[in-house]
Amino acid sequence: MNDQSPTKPRKAADKSARTRAREFALQALYQHLVGRNAASDIDSFTRDLSGFHKSDSAHYDALLHGCVEQAETLDALVTPLLDRPMAEISPIEHGVLWIGAYELQHCLDVPLRVVINECVELAKSFGGTDGHKYVNGVLHQLGARLRPHEAAAAPAGARKSSKAE
């Protein structure tokens, strides 16, 4: 596909507080998945990172603590949609899928398309070369299951740009 829009990452000044919260939550979830660190320890460390004050700390809290507390449930939602065992999914994509699944279930104020777009952008920024394509495919399937009315209302294959929250 020849896309006319540039695929440059957004400048830090262009990022919303929720986008920043997702980025910090992903970094924290990575520490949890790889280092098996406690959420409270990760939380303390993350809040001291440069730029955290510009994030939506309530959304960050919900994502970090919600994903850690509901890890088994989130994995159970996502695993049937994977083409390989969860152990073969990179920790970044695993964390992004947790964020997407959590937001689809619990953050109903965030539209389906925004959840998917934000997670794809996270995977592009932090994940492997084609990890964003995998995340996109899995979350589209999960979105259709968790938010069928919203998914049905969206035109198939539509890739309209939406302002991320």
Protein backbone atom coordinates (compact mmCIF):
# COMPACT_ATOMS: atom_id res chain seq x y z
CA MET A 1 0.00 0.00 0.00
CA ASN A 2 1.22 3.44 -0.78
CA ASP A 3 0.18 5.61 2.11
CA GLN A 4 0.46 9.35 1.56
CA SER A 5 0.69 10.18 5.25
CA PRO A 6 4.11 10.12 6.85
CA THR A 7 4.70 7.42 9.44
CA LYS A 8 6.94 9.51 11.63
CA PRO A 9 6.48 9.08 15.36
CA ARG A 10 4.52 11.83 17.02
CA LYS A 11 6.57 14.52 18.70
CA ALA A 12 6.48 14.46 22.48
CA ALA A 13 4.59 17.76 22.53
CA ASP A 14 1.87 16.22 20.35
CA LYS A 15 1.17 13.33 22.70
CA SER A 16 -1.92 13.36 24.86
CA ALA A 17 -1.80 12.61 28.57
CA ARG A 18 -3.46 9.25 27.94
CA THR A 19 -0.98 8.34 25.21
CA ARG A 20 1.82 9.08 27.66
CA ALA A 21 0.05 7.03 30.34
CA ARG A 22 -0.06 4.06 27.95
CA GLU A 23 3.64 4.44 27.18
CA PHE A 24 4.59 4.50 30.86
CA ALA A 25 2.22 1.62 31.59
CA LEU A 26 3.81 -0.44 28.80
CA GLN A 27 7.28 0.21 30.19
CA ALA A 28 6.05 -0.80 33.65
CA LEU A 29 4.35 -3.94 32.32
CA TYR A 30 7.56 -4.86 30.51
CA GLN A 31 9.39 -4.70 33.83
CA HIS A 32 6.71 -6.89 35.36
CA LEU A 33 6.77 -9.46 32.53
CA VAL A 34 10.55 -9.66 32.20
CA GLY A 35 11.78 -8.97 35.72
CA ARG A 36 8.76 -10.26 37.63
CA ASN A 37 8.98 -7.12 39.74
CA ALA A 38 6.06 -6.22 41.98
CA ALA A 39 3.66 -3.65 40.58
CA SER A 40 4.17 -1.38 43.61
CA ASP A 41 7.95 -1.32 43.12
CA ILE A 42 7.59 -0.69 39.39
CA ASP A 43 5.03 2.04 40.07
CA SER A 44 7.37 3.92 42.42
CA PHE A 45 10.20 3.74 39.90
CA THR A 46 8.03 4.77 36.94
CA ARG A 47 6.53 7.81 38.66
CA ASP A 48 10.06 9.20 39.05
CA LEU A 49 10.81 8.99 35.33
CA SER A 50 11.18 12.16 33.30
CA GLY A 51 7.91 13.28 31.76
CA PHE A 52 5.62 11.19 33.95
CA HIS A 53 4.00 14.35 35.31
CA LYS A 54 2.60 15.00 31.81
CA SER A 55 0.74 11.69 31.74
CA ASP A 56 -2.78 10.84 32.91
CA SER A 57 -1.73 9.19 36.17
CA ALA A 58 -5.22 7.79 36.86
CA HIS A 59 -5.23 6.01 33.48
CA TYR A 60 -1.66 4.79 34.09
CA ASP A 61 -2.73 3.41 37.49
CA ALA A 62 -5.72 1.65 35.96
CA LEU A 63 -3.59 0.10 33.21
CA LEU A 64 -0.64 -1.00 35.33
CA HIS A 65 -2.53 -2.34 38.32
CA GLY A 66 -5.49 -3.60 36.31
CA CYS A 67 -3.29 -5.53 33.87
CA VAL A 68 -1.14 -7.05 36.62
CA GLU A 69 -4.15 -8.01 38.76
CA GLN A 70 -6.08 -9.41 35.78
CA ALA A 71 -3.13 -10.97 33.94
CA GLU A 72 -4.68 -14.46 33.82
CA THR A 73 -8.03 -13.13 32.59
CA LEU A 74 -6.39 -10.94 29.94
CA ASP A 75 -4.21 -13.83 28.75
CA ALA A 76 -7.31 -16.05 28.57
CA LEU A 77 -9.01 -13.46 26.33
CA VAL A 78 -6.04 -13.04 24.03
CA THR A 79 -4.55 -16.56 23.84
CA PRO A 80 -7.28 -18.12 21.63
CA LEU A 81 -6.63 -15.38 19.05
CA LEU A 82 -2.89 -16.10 18.79
CA ASP A 83 -1.25 -18.28 16.16
CA ARG A 84 1.47 -19.35 18.60
CA PRO A 85 1.87 -19.94 22.34
CA MET A 86 1.92 -16.82 24.53
CA ALA A 87 5.47 -17.75 25.59
CA GLU A 88 6.58 -16.99 22.01
CA ILE A 89 5.09 -13.48 22.03
CA SER A 90 7.63 -10.78 22.87
CA PRO A 91 7.16 -9.07 26.25
CA ILE A 92 6.43 -5.77 24.46
CA GLU A 93 3.66 -7.21 22.30
CA HIS A 94 2.37 -9.15 25.34
CA GLY A 95 2.16 -5.91 27.34
CA VAL A 96 0.51 -4.07 24.44
CA LEU A 97 -2.07 -6.85 24.11
CA TRP A 98 -2.78 -6.62 27.85
CA ILE A 99 -3.30 -2.86 27.54
CA GLY A 100 -5.59 -3.31 24.56
CA ALA A 101 -7.61 -6.10 26.18
CA TYR A 102 -7.90 -4.15 29.42
CA GLU A 103 -9.05 -0.97 27.70
CA LEU A 104 -11.52 -2.85 25.53
CA GLN A 105 -13.05 -4.40 28.64
CA HIS A 106 -12.84 -1.61 31.20
CA CYS A 107 -12.36 1.75 29.46
CA LEU A 108 -15.61 2.04 27.57
CA ASP A 109 -15.11 5.80 27.24
CA VAL A 110 -12.25 5.05 24.84
CA PRO A 111 -13.61 4.14 21.38
CA LEU A 112 -12.66 0.77 19.90
CA ARG A 113 -10.75 2.39 17.04
CA VAL A 114 -8.75 4.54 19.45
CA VAL A 115 -7.80 1.52 21.60
CA ILE A 116 -6.56 -0.36 18.55
CA ASN A 117 -4.77 2.66 17.05
CA GLU A 118 -3.03 3.52 20.31
CA CYS A 119 -1.89 -0.07 20.79
CA VAL A 120 -0.62 -0.29 17.22
CA GLU A 121 1.36 2.92 17.80
CA LEU A 122 2.81 1.50 21.04
CA ALA A 123 3.88 -1.63 19.18
CA LYS A 124 5.44 0.47 16.41
CA SER A 125 7.35 2.61 18.90
CA PHE A 126 8.53 -0.08 21.31
CA GLY A 127 8.10 -3.45 19.60
CA GLY A 128 9.71 -5.48 16.87
CA THR A 129 9.61 -4.74 13.16
CA ASP A 130 6.19 -6.20 12.36
CA GLY A 131 4.82 -6.53 15.90
CA HIS A 132 2.31 -3.77 15.24
CA LYS A 133 0.69 -5.82 12.47
CA TYR A 134 0.27 -8.76 14.82
CA VAL A 135 -1.17 -6.54 17.57
CA ASN A 136 -3.55 -4.97 15.05
CA GLY A 137 -4.87 -8.35 13.90
CA VAL A 138 -5.34 -9.73 17.41
CA LEU A 139 -7.02 -6.60 18.79
CA HIS A 140 -9.39 -6.32 15.81
CA GLN A 141 -10.59 -9.85 16.56
CA LEU A 142 -10.82 -9.15 20.28
CA GLY A 143 -12.65 -5.87 19.66
CA ALA A 144 -15.23 -7.70 17.55
CA ARG A 145 -15.82 -10.10 20.45
CA LEU A 146 -15.83 -7.60 23.31
CA ARG A 147 -17.52 -4.68 21.54
CA PRO A 148 -19.54 -6.26 18.74
CA HIS A 149 -21.88 -3.29 18.21
CA GLU A 150 -19.00 -0.84 17.96
CA ALA A 151 -17.04 -3.16 15.66
CA ALA A 152 -20.08 -3.70 13.42
CA ALA A 153 -20.62 0.05 13.12
CA ALA A 154 -17.08 0.58 11.81
CA PRO A 155 -16.68 0.02 8.05
CA ALA A 156 -14.61 -3.07 7.27
CA GLY A 157 -11.04 -2.16 6.44
CA ALA A 158 -11.57 1.53 7.16
CA ARG A 159 -8.36 3.18 8.23
CA LYS A 160 -9.52 6.68 9.01
CA SER A 161 -7.22 8.68 11.19
CA SER A 162 -8.64 9.30 14.63
CA LYS A 163 -7.32 11.75 17.16
CA ALA A 164 -5.85 9.59 19.89
CA GLU A 165 -6.97 10.24 23.39
